Amino acid sequence: MSLPVWPATVQHRPRRDAFRMVEPHVAPHETDMEGGTPRRRPRATVTRQLFAFAWDWEDAEFGLFHTFYHVTLAQGSLRFTMPVFDGSAYAARTCQFKGMYEPHRPGKFWRVTAQLYVWRDA
């Protein structure tokens, strides 16, 4: 089963001042022991990070994004692929929204902020 792809006509590059890593990895699972240090082990076998994004879109782009999120991604619940900056270049990554996006219109453009899980595909 192939994943939906970010719409080509909607800007995927976030605003520089708002793009940041929120969680660099999945936190390990920790179990307290009766004595000694807690036991820690990986919680997951896949590597994913959580990023904060913000985009500025015109009405047409926001409309396409709205349809992509609500219809194609079933209210943002499905994973999709999107170009994401990996430190040196943009590469297609598997992504998923964490919660709902937040739109507002401070001027001519829609400002949309969201947090996305990004998987480091092999």
Protein backbone atom coordinates (compact mmCIF):
# COMPACT_ATOMS: atom_id res chain seq x y z
CA MET A 1 0.00 0.00 0.00
CA SER A 2 1.52 3.30 -1.05
CA LEU A 3 1.25 6.38 1.08
CA PRO A 4 -0.42 9.60 -0.06
CA VAL A 5 2.00 12.25 -1.31
CA TRP A 6 2.05 15.92 -0.25
CA PRO A 7 0.32 17.97 -3.00
CA ALA A 8 2.90 19.27 -5.48
CA THR A 9 1.13 22.64 -5.75
CA VAL A 10 1.28 23.31 -1.97
CA GLN A 11 4.55 24.75 -0.63
CA HIS A 12 6.23 22.13 1.59
CA ARG A 13 9.17 24.27 2.72
CA PRO A 14 8.37 25.75 6.13
CA ARG A 15 9.18 29.23 7.36
CA ARG A 16 12.79 29.24 8.59
CA ASP A 17 11.94 31.06 11.81
CA ALA A 18 9.38 28.41 12.80
CA PHE A 19 11.01 25.13 11.70
CA ARG A 20 12.53 23.37 14.68
CA MET A 21 13.06 19.93 16.13
CA VAL A 22 10.78 19.32 19.12
CA GLU A 23 11.83 15.73 19.94
CA PRO A 24 15.05 14.29 18.46
CA HIS A 25 13.96 10.68 19.06
CA VAL A 26 11.44 8.46 20.81
CA ALA A 27 12.23 8.54 24.53
CA PRO A 28 13.35 5.20 26.00
CA HIS A 29 11.06 3.21 28.24
CA GLU A 30 12.17 3.30 31.87
CA THR A 31 11.34 0.89 34.67
CA ASP A 32 12.15 1.66 38.30
CA MET A 33 13.87 -1.16 40.14
CA GLU A 34 13.72 -1.87 43.88
CA GLY A 35 17.41 -1.14 44.13
CA GLY A 36 19.93 0.48 41.84
CA THR A 37 19.43 2.44 38.70
CA PRO A 38 16.26 2.23 36.59
CA ARG A 39 16.25 -0.15 33.63
CA ARG A 40 16.10 1.71 30.31
CA ARG A 41 15.45 0.24 26.90
CA PRO A 42 14.37 1.51 23.50
CA ARG A 43 10.64 2.10 23.22
CA ALA A 44 10.60 1.55 19.45
CA THR A 45 12.73 -0.01 16.75
CA VAL A 46 12.08 2.75 14.21
CA THR A 47 13.66 6.18 14.32
CA ARG A 48 11.30 9.13 14.23
CA GLN A 49 11.57 12.76 15.19
CA LEU A 50 8.99 15.43 15.96
CA PHE A 51 9.29 18.78 14.15
CA ALA A 52 7.37 22.05 14.38
CA PHE A 53 6.41 23.53 11.00
CA ALA A 54 4.83 26.80 9.89
CA TRP A 55 3.82 27.67 6.34
CA ASP A 56 2.46 30.81 4.67
CA TRP A 57 -0.03 29.97 1.90
CA GLU A 58 -2.34 31.82 -0.44
CA ASP A 59 -6.05 30.93 -0.46
CA ALA A 60 -5.69 28.33 -3.24
CA GLU A 61 -2.81 26.53 -1.49
CA PHE A 62 -4.66 26.53 1.83
CA GLY A 63 -7.74 25.07 0.12
CA LEU A 64 -5.69 22.25 -1.40
CA PHE A 65 -4.00 21.58 1.94
CA HIS A 66 -7.36 21.57 3.73
CA THR A 67 -8.70 18.92 1.32
CA PHE A 68 -5.47 16.88 1.57
CA TYR A 69 -5.57 16.90 5.39
CA HIS A 70 -9.30 16.30 5.91
CA VAL A 71 -10.12 14.02 2.97
CA THR A 72 -6.94 12.31 1.77
CA LEU A 73 -5.40 11.92 5.23
CA ALA A 74 -8.73 11.17 6.96
CA GLN A 75 -8.66 14.16 9.35
CA GLY A 76 -4.85 13.98 9.55
CA SER A 77 -4.76 10.43 10.90
CA LEU A 78 -2.85 8.78 8.02
CA ARG A 79 0.84 8.85 7.18
CA PHE A 80 2.06 10.51 3.97
CA THR A 81 5.31 11.34 2.19
CA MET A 82 6.70 14.85 1.93
CA PRO A 83 10.10 16.43 1.19
CA VAL A 84 11.74 17.34 4.53
CA PHE A 85 15.09 19.05 5.10
CA ASP A 86 17.57 16.55 6.54
CA GLY A 87 20.41 18.95 7.30
CA SER A 88 21.91 19.17 3.82
CA ALA A 89 19.07 18.71 1.32
CA TYR A 90 15.38 17.93 1.01
CA ALA A 91 14.52 14.22 0.93
CA ALA A 92 11.19 12.39 0.75
CA ARG A 93 10.24 11.19 4.24
CA THR A 94 7.28 9.46 5.80
CA CYS A 95 5.36 11.97 7.94
CA GLN A 96 2.26 12.12 10.12
CA PHE A 97 0.55 15.05 11.82
CA LYS A 98 0.61 15.11 15.62
CA GLY A 99 -2.75 16.55 16.48
CA MET A 100 -4.56 19.26 14.54
CA TYR A 101 -2.93 22.03 12.51
CA GLU A 102 -3.59 25.65 13.55
CA PRO A 103 -4.57 28.10 10.80
CA HIS A 104 -4.90 31.84 11.09
CA ARG A 105 -4.81 34.71 8.67
CA PRO A 106 -2.76 37.65 9.99
CA GLY A 107 -2.70 39.38 6.59
CA LYS A 108 -2.72 38.41 2.94
CA PHE A 109 -1.59 34.81 3.54
CA TRP A 110 -2.80 31.93 5.67
CA ARG A 111 -0.26 31.05 8.39
CA VAL A 112 -0.56 27.36 9.24
CA THR A 113 1.39 25.77 12.10
CA ALA A 114 1.59 22.08 12.94
CA GLN A 115 3.76 19.41 14.47
CA LEU A 116 4.76 16.46 12.29
CA TYR A 117 6.34 13.14 13.13
CA VAL A 118 9.08 12.45 10.57
CA TRP A 119 10.46 8.94 10.13
CA ARG A 120 14.06 8.37 9.05
CA ASP A 121 13.33 5.95 6.22
CA ALA A 122 16.12 3.57 5.35
